[in-house]
Amino acid sequence: MKLDELNMVLESLATPVPIRHAWVSEQQWTDAATTVRDAGGRLLALWAGAASPGAAHQICAVYVTLEGALWLSLPVLPEDGQLLYPDLSALFPAALRMQRAAADLSGVHARDARDTRAWLNHGAWPASHYPLQHNDVQWPALTATELVNYPFVKVEGDGVHEIAVGPVHAGIIEPGHFRFSVVGERVLRLEQRLGYTHKGIERRMTQLGPLQAARLAGRVSGDSTVAYAWAYCMALEAATQTVIPGRAAWLRALMLERERVANHLGDLGALGNDAAFAFGLAQFSRLREDWLRACMDDFGHRLMMDCVVPGGVAADIDRKQSDRLVQLCDSVEAEVHTLFGIYEAHSGLQDRFLATGRVAPELASRLGLTGLAGRASSQSWDLRSDHPWLPYSALEVAMVTHDAGDVAARVLVRFEEVFESLRLIRRMLADMPAGPLQCALVLPLKAARGAGWVEGWRGEVFVALELDGLEQASRIRRCHLHDPSWQNWPVLEHAILGNIVPDFPLINKSFNLSYSGQDL
């Protein structure tokens, strides 16, 4: 199947970015994946779609090409007592964990998959129970099952031993287990085990009204509340054929760039601290605190939670606030420039950063590395530049890329993205149109679907939404929320290879992936 042939059968969704949907057969499912890979495209997300008693199950995948995003749905019918579909992991390695999660949550399995271990089910529910298989069926009373020893891959050989780290860590972070196989301090293999705090968010979404669910979407991963809330609202607005006011779109982008700056400032300080440069942590923490307090003053919340709402935004800024933010941008930019010079000239930092945790561009492409980590390994994907919508289409966003793929490159991407975001914020404040902040949404009386796709600070956040049309009110039949950490966690296992164990915290922080975002 050629890409232009596939495009002919696609149904466009009413989104500000080009996203199209089509139902496909098993052969088309495999052909489309091969076509996208051969054309240099990539897998954005894979999940089990909505299913109800008496209806076919479905497996869904979204691919990204230069033309936009392709959302493909494949009906999955019983086969020898199982719900099976063609495995995609040979074409897109990033699909493997997503397929394992779909098996745990919805009972659909990739045929002949090379890894069928449970990913999200740590014994909290029986293996025969699938939380998302029938959304309209009341959960039975479940009891935790006996814990089963997870079969980590063993590395054999003289002098090889294992170091087990986590899942509980010496810090206020979420749980994750890292199993190192080492010789001396040199890492031969790393294997991760995540999913320890499965929260049931995707099932909970089906119990909320479409207008109320935006609040939960904004709490999937607290450092990306604007990105998730915007992606969810974009999906709902696509499903309801709603075009938001221009000022609302500009304010959403303003908040998204403020979120990006806050996280990059925090990471730059933490990366300095992981290399024993406490001065960097102190200075960037101070700047981040000033930045978050300004968000609180302007939008009523340090993280700007509940400011992006269906149909628009819930908060505005006036001229006084705008002028104050421009002054803050100027002062932060000057200080970050100074700190950039210090970081670049500090031989101890550069010794720790350079050539550490390198992901070569070829490997990054093959494994689907995305977001800021991908751009540090020559993966030139940034939704704000590739498929810009208002206001980004009027701002000419400069994509930041580097090819070294090491900690130093990921630090450099953060510095340069801070400067670019500060430029964008000043442009938005200068050119923001007047007008209303919200418009009304009319929920459909028949089944509808929509998608949202936003370039968050870590990478692309994607939301797929399916609504049931009822006579009195619409309800959410399925809402899948995808974090870029799904693609990037497996790459971290490769980035540490050949490095020493003490460098892992530094390499890990240079990616700064979300535990919460892939544990829904």
Protein backbone atom coordinates (compact mmCIF):
# COMPACT_ATOMS: atom_id res chain seq x y z
CA MET A 1 0.00 0.00 0.00
CA LYS A 2 1.44 3.36 -1.04
CA LEU A 3 1.00 6.41 1.14
CA ASP A 4 -1.12 8.23 -1.42
CA GLU A 5 -3.39 5.16 -1.70
CA LEU A 6 -3.82 5.14 2.06
CA ASN A 7 -4.60 8.85 2.10
CA MET A 8 -7.49 8.31 -0.30
CA VAL A 9 -9.44 6.24 2.25
CA LEU A 10 -8.80 8.48 5.22
CA GLU A 11 -11.50 10.55 6.87
CA SER A 12 -10.29 13.91 8.17
CA LEU A 13 -10.98 14.97 11.74
CA ALA A 14 -11.85 18.58 12.44
CA THR A 15 -8.61 19.49 14.21
CA PRO A 16 -6.32 22.51 13.76
CA VAL A 17 -3.54 20.03 12.88
CA PRO A 18 -3.86 17.46 10.06
CA ILE A 19 -5.16 14.22 11.62
CA ARG A 20 -7.10 11.64 9.63
CA HIS A 21 -8.85 8.41 10.58
CA ALA A 22 -9.67 5.18 8.73
CA TRP A 23 -10.87 1.66 9.49
CA VAL A 24 -8.53 -0.94 8.01
CA SER A 25 -8.27 -4.69 7.46
CA GLU A 26 -5.47 -6.83 8.91
CA GLN A 27 -3.57 -6.68 5.64
CA GLN A 28 -3.98 -2.92 5.42
CA TRP A 29 -2.88 -2.64 9.08
CA THR A 30 0.43 -4.31 8.27
CA ASP A 31 0.86 -2.66 4.88
CA ALA A 32 0.26 0.80 6.33
CA ALA A 33 2.87 0.27 9.06
CA THR A 34 5.41 -0.87 6.47
CA THR A 35 4.61 2.06 4.19
CA VAL A 36 4.96 4.62 6.98
CA ARG A 37 8.26 3.14 8.13
CA ASP A 38 9.69 3.04 4.61
CA ALA A 39 8.63 6.66 4.07
CA GLY A 40 10.52 7.79 7.19
CA GLY A 41 7.42 8.16 9.35
CA ARG A 42 7.03 6.98 12.93
CA LEU A 43 4.58 5.48 15.39
CA LEU A 44 2.99 8.05 17.68
CA ALA A 45 0.67 5.86 19.78
CA LEU A 46 -0.94 2.43 19.96
CA TRP A 47 -3.87 1.44 22.18
CA ALA A 48 -7.00 -0.71 22.38
CA GLY A 49 -10.03 1.32 21.35
CA ALA A 50 -13.52 1.24 22.80
CA ALA A 51 -15.42 -2.02 23.09
CA SER A 52 -18.78 -2.87 24.59
CA PRO A 53 -20.72 -6.15 25.03
CA GLY A 54 -21.72 -7.53 21.63
CA ALA A 55 -19.48 -5.15 19.68
CA ALA A 56 -16.10 -5.80 18.06
CA HIS A 57 -12.97 -4.86 19.90
CA GLN A 58 -10.49 -2.63 18.13
CA ILE A 59 -6.79 -1.88 18.16
CA CYS A 60 -5.70 1.59 17.13
CA ALA A 61 -2.42 3.10 15.97
CA VAL A 62 -1.44 6.64 15.04
CA TYR A 63 1.46 7.30 12.68
CA VAL A 64 3.20 10.58 11.93
CA THR A 65 4.38 11.52 8.45
CA LEU A 66 5.28 14.82 6.84
CA GLU A 67 1.62 15.04 5.75
CA GLY A 68 0.26 14.78 9.31
CA ALA A 69 -1.08 12.05 11.58
CA LEU A 70 -2.88 8.88 10.46
CA TRP A 71 -5.21 7.22 13.01
CA LEU A 72 -5.96 3.64 11.94
CA SER A 73 -8.51 1.39 13.64
CA LEU A 74 -8.53 -2.38 13.17
CA PRO A 75 -11.53 -4.48 14.36
CA VAL A 76 -10.26 -7.41 16.45
CA LEU A 77 -12.36 -10.58 16.37
CA PRO A 78 -11.91 -13.73 18.49
CA GLU A 79 -9.41 -16.23 17.12
CA ASP A 80 -8.93 -19.55 18.93
CA GLY A 81 -10.39 -18.02 22.07
CA GLN A 82 -8.13 -14.94 21.96
CA LEU A 83 -8.38 -11.42 20.55
CA LEU A 84 -5.38 -11.22 18.22
CA TYR A 85 -4.00 -8.65 15.80
CA PRO A 86 -0.73 -8.35 13.81
CA ASP A 87 2.35 -7.43 15.85
CA LEU A 88 3.98 -4.11 14.94
CA SER A 89 7.09 -4.28 17.12
CA ALA A 90 9.32 -5.64 14.34
CA LEU A 91 8.57 -2.48 12.34
CA PHE A 92 8.34 -0.05 15.26
CA PRO A 93 10.12 -1.23 18.45
CA ALA A 94 8.28 1.44 20.46
CA ALA A 95 5.06 -0.52 19.90
CA LEU A 96 6.15 -3.38 22.17
CA ARG A 97 5.29 -1.88 25.56
CA MET A 98 2.14 -0.25 24.20
CA GLN A 99 1.00 -3.67 22.98
CA ARG A 100 1.73 -5.18 26.40
CA ALA A 101 -0.32 -2.43 28.07
CA ALA A 102 -3.24 -3.03 25.67
CA ALA A 103 -3.13 -6.73 26.58
CA ASP A 104 -3.24 -5.94 30.32
CA LEU A 105 -6.05 -3.39 30.09
CA SER A 106 -8.22 -4.62 27.23
CA GLY A 107 -7.36 -8.26 26.58
CA VAL A 108 -6.23 -7.77 22.98
CA HIS A 109 -2.92 -9.42 22.13
CA ALA A 110 -0.35 -8.95 19.41
CA ARG A 111 -0.05 -12.19 17.46
CA ASP A 112 3.36 -13.89 17.92
CA ALA A 113 4.73 -10.96 19.93
CA ARG A 114 8.24 -11.50 21.24
CA ASP A 115 7.41 -10.19 24.73
CA THR A 116 4.09 -11.08 26.37
CA ARG A 117 4.96 -10.27 29.98
CA ALA A 118 2.46 -8.14 31.89
CA TRP A 119 3.39 -4.46 31.85
CA LEU A 120 0.82 -2.56 33.93
CA ASN A 121 -0.74 -5.42 35.90
CA HIS A 122 1.44 -6.02 38.96
CA GLY A 123 -1.09 -8.37 40.51
CA ALA A 124 -3.60 -5.65 41.43
CA TRP A 125 -6.27 -7.47 39.40
CA PRO A 126 -6.61 -11.04 38.09
CA ALA A 127 -4.97 -11.79 34.76
CA SER A 128 -8.39 -12.79 33.39
CA HIS A 129 -9.88 -9.36 34.17
CA TYR A 130 -9.44 -6.49 31.73
CA PRO A 131 -10.31 -3.08 33.20
CA LEU A 132 -11.09 -1.39 29.86
CA GLN A 133 -12.79 -4.26 28.04
CA HIS A 134 -16.36 -3.32 28.97
CA ASN A 135 -16.63 0.26 30.16
CA ASP A 136 -20.35 0.03 30.92
CA VAL A 137 -20.04 -3.07 33.12
CA GLN A 138 -19.63 -2.52 36.84
CA TRP A 139 -16.33 -3.74 38.15
CA PRO A 140 -16.62 -6.88 40.26
CA ALA A 141 -15.13 -6.95 43.72
CA LEU A 142 -11.45 -7.58 42.95
CA THR A 143 -8.76 -8.83 45.24
CA ALA A 144 -5.08 -8.56 44.56
CA THR A 145 -3.51 -11.75 43.26
CA GLU A 146 -0.36 -13.33 44.61
CA LEU A 147 2.70 -11.53 43.36
CA VAL A 148 4.60 -13.38 40.65
CA ASN A 149 8.33 -12.94 40.26
CA TYR A 150 8.87 -10.79 37.17
CA PRO A 151 11.18 -12.62 34.72
CA PHE A 152 13.93 -10.06 34.16
CA VAL A 153 16.40 -11.00 31.43
CA LYS A 154 19.52 -12.55 32.93
CA VAL A 155 22.99 -11.61 31.67
CA GLU A 156 25.44 -14.47 32.13
CA GLY A 157 29.23 -14.38 32.22
CA ASP A 158 32.27 -14.05 34.45
CA GLY A 159 32.11 -11.10 36.79
CA VAL A 160 28.54 -10.13 35.87
CA HIS A 161 26.32 -9.16 38.77
CA GLU A 162 23.00 -7.37 39.16
CA ILE A 163 22.15 -4.12 40.91
CA ALA A 164 18.49 -3.62 41.73
CA VAL A 165 17.37 0.00 42.12
CA GLY A 166 13.84 0.87 43.21
CA PRO A 167 10.93 0.79 42.83
CA VAL A 168 11.03 3.02 45.95
CA HIS A 169 13.72 5.68 45.55
CA ALA A 170 15.63 7.93 47.91
CA GLY A 171 13.63 10.97 46.86
CA ILE A 172 10.11 12.25 46.37
CA ILE A 173 9.58 10.71 42.95
CA GLU A 174 7.28 8.08 41.57
CA PRO A 175 8.23 4.40 41.75
CA GLY A 176 10.12 2.58 39.03
CA HIS A 177 12.46 -0.39 39.12
CA PHE A 178 15.79 -0.47 37.29
CA ARG A 179 17.71 -3.77 37.04
CA PHE A 180 21.34 -3.23 36.06
CA SER A 181 23.63 -6.02 34.85
CA VAL A 182 27.20 -4.80 35.34
CA VAL A 183 30.83 -5.80 35.28
CA GLY A 184 32.57 -3.63 37.82
CA GLU A 185 30.83 -0.29 37.31
CA ARG A 186 30.33 -0.69 33.56
CA VAL A 187 26.69 -1.30 32.56
CA LEU A 188 26.11 -4.25 30.22
CA ARG A 189 22.32 -4.11 30.31
CA LEU A 190 19.50 -2.16 31.93
CA GLU A 191 15.94 -3.40 32.16
CA GLN A 192 13.09 -1.29 33.50
CA ARG A 193 9.88 -2.25 35.26
CA LEU A 194 7.31 0.53 35.55
CA GLY A 195 3.58 0.76 36.20
CA TYR A 196 3.67 0.48 40.00
CA THR A 197 0.99 3.10 40.67
CA HIS A 198 -1.61 2.27 38.07
CA LYS A 199 -4.29 4.86 38.76
CA GLY A 200 -7.14 3.78 36.51
CA ILE A 201 -7.30 7.18 34.80
CA GLU A 202 -8.45 5.90 31.42
CA ARG A 203 -11.33 4.00 32.99
CA ARG A 204 -12.17 6.98 35.19
CA MET A 205 -12.43 9.14 32.07
CA THR A 206 -15.38 7.01 30.93
CA GLN A 207 -17.20 7.82 34.18
CA LEU A 208 -16.96 11.60 33.72
CA GLY A 209 -18.88 13.91 31.46
CA PRO A 210 -16.94 15.12 28.40
CA LEU A 211 -16.83 18.68 29.71
CA GLN A 212 -15.68 17.66 33.20
CA ALA A 213 -12.99 15.21 32.02
CA ALA A 214 -10.67 18.05 30.96
CA ARG A 215 -9.76 18.56 34.63
CA LEU A 216 -8.62 14.95 34.95
CA ALA A 217 -6.69 15.12 31.68
CA GLY A 218 -4.74 18.05 33.11
CA ARG A 219 -3.66 15.89 36.03
CA VAL A 220 -2.22 12.95 34.11
CA SER A 221 1.32 14.30 34.52
CA GLY A 222 1.56 17.42 36.64
CA ASP A 223 4.55 18.89 34.79
CA SER A 224 2.52 18.81 31.55
CA THR A 225 -0.91 19.95 32.73
CA VAL A 226 -1.28 22.56 29.96
CA ALA A 227 -0.21 20.14 27.22
CA TYR A 228 -2.59 17.39 28.37
CA ALA A 229 -5.51 19.72 28.97
CA TRP A 230 -5.03 21.33 25.56
CA ALA A 231 -4.74 17.97 23.78
CA TYR A 232 -7.91 16.69 25.48
CA CYS A 233 -9.83 19.88 24.71
CA MET A 234 -8.61 19.77 21.11
CA ALA A 235 -9.93 16.22 20.81
CA LEU A 236 -13.30 17.20 22.30
CA GLU A 237 -13.51 20.27 20.09
CA ALA A 238 -12.77 18.11 17.04
CA ALA A 239 -15.51 15.65 18.04
CA THR A 240 -18.00 18.51 18.44
CA GLN A 241 -16.86 20.46 15.34
CA THR A 242 -15.98 23.47 17.52
CA VAL A 243 -13.61 26.27 16.49
CA ILE A 244 -12.32 28.17 19.53
CA PRO A 245 -11.86 31.97 19.58
CA GLY A 246 -8.53 33.29 18.33
CA ARG A 247 -7.56 34.88 21.64
CA ALA A 248 -8.16 31.57 23.42
CA ALA A 249 -5.76 29.79 21.05
CA TRP A 250 -3.07 32.40 21.64
CA LEU A 251 -3.51 32.21 25.42
CA ARG A 252 -3.25 28.41 25.32
CA ALA A 253 0.04 28.70 23.44
CA LEU A 254 1.26 31.33 25.88
CA MET A 255 0.60 28.97 28.77
CA LEU A 256 2.21 26.05 26.93
CA GLU A 257 5.43 28.02 26.40
CA ARG A 258 5.41 29.12 30.02
CA GLU A 259 5.12 25.46 31.01
CA ARG A 260 8.05 24.62 28.72
CA VAL A 261 10.27 27.30 30.26
CA ALA A 262 9.42 26.24 33.83
CA ASN A 263 10.37 22.62 33.18
CA HIS A 264 13.56 23.42 31.29
CA LEU A 265 14.70 25.74 34.08
CA GLY A 266 14.08 23.02 36.65
CA ASP A 267 15.90 20.38 34.58
CA LEU A 268 18.94 22.56 33.94
CA GLY A 269 19.36 23.06 37.66
CA ALA A 270 18.87 19.36 38.42
CA LEU A 271 21.38 18.35 35.74
CA GLY A 272 23.95 20.64 37.26
CA ASN A 273 23.26 19.15 40.67
CA ASP A 274 23.62 15.57 39.36
CA ALA A 275 27.09 16.55 38.19
CA ALA A 276 27.94 17.92 41.68
CA PHE A 277 27.47 21.56 40.63
CA ALA A 278 25.14 22.77 43.38
CA PHE A 279 25.50 26.39 42.27
CA GLY A 280 23.57 25.54 39.09
CA LEU A 281 20.74 23.97 41.09
CA ALA A 282 20.48 27.01 43.37
CA GLN A 283 20.39 29.53 40.54
CA PHE A 284 17.97 27.69 38.25
CA SER A 285 15.72 26.82 41.20
CA ARG A 286 15.52 30.52 42.02
CA LEU A 287 14.64 31.40 38.45
CA ARG A 288 12.05 28.62 38.23
CA GLU A 289 10.44 29.76 41.47
CA ASP A 290 10.16 33.33 40.19
CA TRP A 291 8.64 31.96 36.98
CA LEU A 292 6.07 29.79 38.77
CA ARG A 293 5.06 32.63 41.10
CA ALA A 294 4.40 34.78 38.04
CA CYS A 295 2.17 31.98 36.66
CA MET A 296 0.31 32.00 39.97
CA ASP A 297 -0.16 35.77 39.80
CA ASP A 298 -1.37 35.71 36.19
CA PHE A 299 -3.47 32.54 36.08
CA GLY A 300 -4.26 31.64 39.69
CA HIS A 301 -2.17 28.44 39.78
CA ARG A 302 1.58 27.80 39.69
CA LEU A 303 1.15 25.02 37.12
CA MET A 304 -1.81 26.74 35.40
CA MET A 305 -4.14 23.85 36.17
CA ASP A 306 -7.75 24.19 35.00
CA CYS A 307 -6.89 27.22 32.87
CA VAL A 308 -7.37 25.37 29.57
CA VAL A 309 -11.04 24.39 29.34
CA PRO A 310 -13.30 22.99 26.60
CA GLY A 311 -14.05 25.77 24.15
CA GLY A 312 -11.22 28.06 25.22
CA VAL A 313 -9.50 29.22 28.40
CA ALA A 314 -10.65 30.17 31.88
CA ALA A 315 -8.21 33.04 32.51
CA ASP A 316 -7.00 36.13 30.72
CA ILE A 317 -4.14 38.58 31.21
CA ASP A 318 -4.37 42.36 31.10
CA ARG A 319 -1.89 44.96 29.90
CA LYS A 320 -0.26 45.33 33.31
CA GLN A 321 0.31 41.60 33.58
CA SER A 322 1.60 41.49 30.01
CA ASP A 323 4.15 44.24 30.66
CA ARG A 324 5.28 42.52 33.84
CA LEU A 325 5.75 39.23 31.98
CA VAL A 326 7.83 40.91 29.27
CA GLN A 327 10.10 42.30 31.99
CA LEU A 328 10.37 38.86 33.57
CA CYS A 329 11.26 37.32 30.20
CA ASP A 330 14.01 39.90 29.74
CA SER A 331 15.50 39.31 33.18
CA VAL A 332 15.29 35.50 32.94
CA GLU A 333 16.86 35.53 29.49
CA ALA A 334 19.81 37.62 30.71
CA GLU A 335 20.42 35.34 33.69
CA VAL A 336 20.09 32.15 31.65
CA HIS A 337 22.61 33.52 29.14
CA THR A 338 25.03 34.08 32.02
CA LEU A 339 24.43 30.60 33.39
CA PHE A 340 24.85 29.11 29.92
CA GLY A 341 28.31 30.64 29.75
CA ILE A 342 29.14 29.21 33.17
CA TYR A 343 27.92 25.74 32.23
CA GLU A 344 29.87 25.79 28.95
CA ALA A 345 33.10 26.96 30.62
CA HIS A 346 32.93 24.62 33.64
CA SER A 347 35.36 21.79 32.89
CA GLY A 348 33.89 19.53 35.56
CA LEU A 349 30.39 19.79 34.09
CA GLN A 350 31.57 19.28 30.54
CA ASP A 351 33.59 16.24 31.57
CA ARG A 352 30.41 14.68 32.97
CA PHE A 353 28.13 15.80 30.12
CA LEU A 354 30.15 15.15 26.98
CA ALA A 355 29.86 11.66 25.42
CA THR A 356 27.76 10.45 28.38
CA GLY A 357 24.54 8.56 27.65
CA ARG A 358 24.90 8.95 23.89
CA VAL A 359 22.08 7.89 21.58
CA ALA A 360 23.34 7.94 17.99
CA PRO A 361 20.95 9.48 15.44
CA GLU A 362 20.54 6.17 13.59
CA LEU A 363 19.56 4.36 16.79
CA ALA A 364 17.26 7.23 17.80
CA SER A 365 15.48 6.97 14.45
CA ARG A 366 15.14 3.20 14.65
CA LEU A 367 13.77 3.22 18.20
CA GLY A 368 11.47 6.22 17.70
CA LEU A 369 13.11 8.65 20.13
CA THR A 370 10.97 11.77 20.25
CA GLY A 371 10.63 15.19 21.84
CA LEU A 372 13.57 17.16 23.18
CA ALA A 373 15.64 13.98 23.62
CA GLY A 374 15.00 13.08 20.00
CA ARG A 375 15.95 16.54 18.77
CA ALA A 376 19.28 16.17 20.63
CA SER A 377 19.90 13.10 18.41
CA SER A 378 19.03 14.74 15.06
CA GLN A 379 15.35 13.74 15.06
CA SER A 380 13.87 16.85 13.47
CA TRP A 381 10.31 16.57 14.73
CA ASP A 382 8.57 19.46 16.47
CA LEU A 383 4.84 19.81 15.94
CA ARG A 384 5.07 23.59 16.36
CA SER A 385 7.25 23.68 13.23
CA ASP A 386 6.15 20.59 11.28
CA HIS A 387 2.39 21.15 11.44
CA PRO A 388 1.88 24.57 13.04
CA TRP A 389 -1.59 25.80 13.91
CA LEU A 390 -2.60 29.16 15.35
CA PRO A 391 -0.75 30.91 16.80
CA TYR A 392 2.38 28.90 15.92
CA SER A 393 1.67 29.25 12.20
CA ALA A 394 2.17 32.99 12.65
CA LEU A 395 5.29 32.76 14.83
CA GLU A 396 7.79 30.79 12.71
CA VAL A 397 9.08 28.58 15.52
CA ALA A 398 12.79 27.78 15.20
CA MET A 399 13.27 24.06 15.84
CA VAL A 400 16.32 23.24 17.98
CA THR A 401 18.29 20.15 16.94
CA HIS A 402 21.74 18.72 17.65
CA ASP A 403 23.43 15.53 16.54
CA ALA A 404 25.71 14.49 19.43
CA GLY A 405 22.89 12.69 21.25
CA ASP A 406 24.62 12.83 24.65
CA VAL A 407 23.80 14.54 27.94
CA ALA A 408 25.57 17.68 26.71
CA ALA A 409 23.33 17.82 23.63
CA ARG A 410 20.17 17.36 25.70
CA VAL A 411 21.35 20.18 28.00
CA LEU A 412 22.02 22.38 24.98
CA VAL A 413 18.55 21.71 23.54
CA ARG A 414 17.03 22.87 26.82
CA PHE A 415 19.05 26.09 26.90
CA GLU A 416 18.18 26.97 23.32
CA GLU A 417 14.51 26.07 23.73
CA VAL A 418 14.31 28.38 26.75
CA PHE A 419 15.58 31.26 24.61
CA GLU A 420 13.17 30.40 21.79
CA SER A 421 10.19 30.11 24.15
CA LEU A 422 11.00 33.47 25.68
CA ARG A 423 11.03 34.97 22.19
CA LEU A 424 7.70 33.33 21.39
CA ILE A 425 6.13 34.60 24.62
CA ARG A 426 7.13 38.18 23.84
CA ARG A 427 5.73 37.84 20.30
CA MET A 428 2.46 36.42 21.59
CA LEU A 429 2.07 39.23 24.08
CA ALA A 430 2.72 41.81 21.37
CA ASP A 431 0.45 40.32 18.71
CA MET A 432 -2.32 38.64 20.72
CA PRO A 433 -5.73 39.41 19.22
CA ALA A 434 -8.65 40.73 21.22
CA GLY A 435 -11.84 38.78 21.57
CA PRO A 436 -13.74 36.30 23.72
CA LEU A 437 -12.02 33.63 25.81
CA GLN A 438 -14.50 30.79 25.31
CA CYS A 439 -17.24 29.51 23.07
CA ALA A 440 -19.99 27.00 23.75
CA LEU A 441 -19.64 23.32 22.82
CA VAL A 442 -22.68 21.37 21.63
CA LEU A 443 -22.21 17.72 22.51
CA PRO A 444 -23.25 15.39 19.70
CA LEU A 445 -26.33 13.16 19.86
CA LYS A 446 -24.59 10.44 17.89
CA ALA A 447 -21.25 8.70 18.18
CA ALA A 448 -18.27 10.90 17.35
CA ARG A 449 -14.51 10.86 17.64
CA GLY A 450 -11.79 13.46 17.86
CA ALA A 451 -8.05 13.72 18.39
CA GLY A 452 -5.72 16.22 20.03
CA TRP A 453 -2.01 16.58 19.29
CA VAL A 454 0.20 19.07 21.14
CA GLU A 455 3.98 19.54 21.39
CA GLY A 456 4.53 19.53 25.13
CA TRP A 457 7.86 20.39 26.72
CA ARG A 458 8.89 16.70 26.88
CA GLY A 459 7.49 15.83 23.44
CA GLU A 460 4.20 15.12 21.71
CA VAL A 461 1.10 14.58 23.83
CA PHE A 462 -1.69 12.81 21.95
CA VAL A 463 -5.32 12.26 23.02
CA ALA A 464 -7.84 10.07 21.19
CA LEU A 465 -11.46 10.53 22.23
CA GLU A 466 -14.52 8.45 21.35
CA LEU A 467 -17.97 9.67 22.38
CA ASP A 468 -21.21 7.74 22.62
CA GLY A 469 -24.18 9.72 21.42
CA LEU A 470 -27.17 9.45 23.74
CA GLU A 471 -30.56 11.08 23.52
CA GLN A 472 -30.01 13.13 26.65
CA ALA A 473 -26.23 13.57 26.90
CA SER A 474 -22.98 12.38 25.37
CA ARG A 475 -20.61 10.25 27.36
CA ILE A 476 -17.00 9.21 26.91
CA ARG A 477 -16.76 5.72 25.51
CA ARG A 478 -12.95 5.71 25.38
CA CYS A 479 -10.25 8.29 26.00
CA HIS A 480 -6.63 7.36 25.41
CA LEU A 481 -3.98 9.79 26.63
CA HIS A 482 -0.48 9.21 25.29
CA ASP A 483 2.77 10.54 26.76
CA PRO A 484 6.03 10.72 24.76
CA SER A 485 7.68 8.79 27.60
CA TRP A 486 6.21 5.61 26.07
CA GLN A 487 8.69 6.00 23.20
CA ASN A 488 11.61 7.28 25.25
CA TRP A 489 11.75 4.99 28.30
CA PRO A 490 13.00 2.03 26.20
CA VAL A 491 15.68 4.22 24.59
CA LEU A 492 17.03 5.08 28.04
CA GLU A 493 17.92 1.39 28.41
CA HIS A 494 20.23 1.79 25.41
CA ALA A 495 21.64 5.19 26.44
CA ILE A 496 23.21 3.79 29.61
CA LEU A 497 25.01 0.89 27.89
CA GLY A 498 28.78 1.12 28.26
CA ASN A 499 28.51 3.92 30.79
CA ILE A 500 29.25 3.56 34.49
CA VAL A 501 26.54 3.09 37.10
CA PRO A 502 27.16 6.48 38.82
CA ASP A 503 26.30 8.24 35.54
CA PHE A 504 22.80 6.77 35.43
CA PRO A 505 21.12 9.52 37.53
CA LEU A 506 22.63 12.12 35.20
CA ILE A 507 21.57 10.27 32.03
CA ASN A 508 18.12 9.59 33.47
CA LYS A 509 17.60 13.25 34.37
CA SER A 510 18.75 14.35 30.91
CA PHE A 511 15.74 12.47 29.52
CA ASN A 512 13.46 13.32 32.50
CA LEU A 513 10.67 10.95 31.54
CA SER A 514 7.27 10.64 33.15
CA TYR A 515 6.37 7.63 35.27
CA SER A 516 2.81 8.89 35.68
CA GLY A 517 2.22 9.59 31.99
CA GLN A 518 2.59 5.95 30.98
CA ASP A 519 0.78 4.43 33.97
CA LEU A 520 -2.88 5.25 33.32
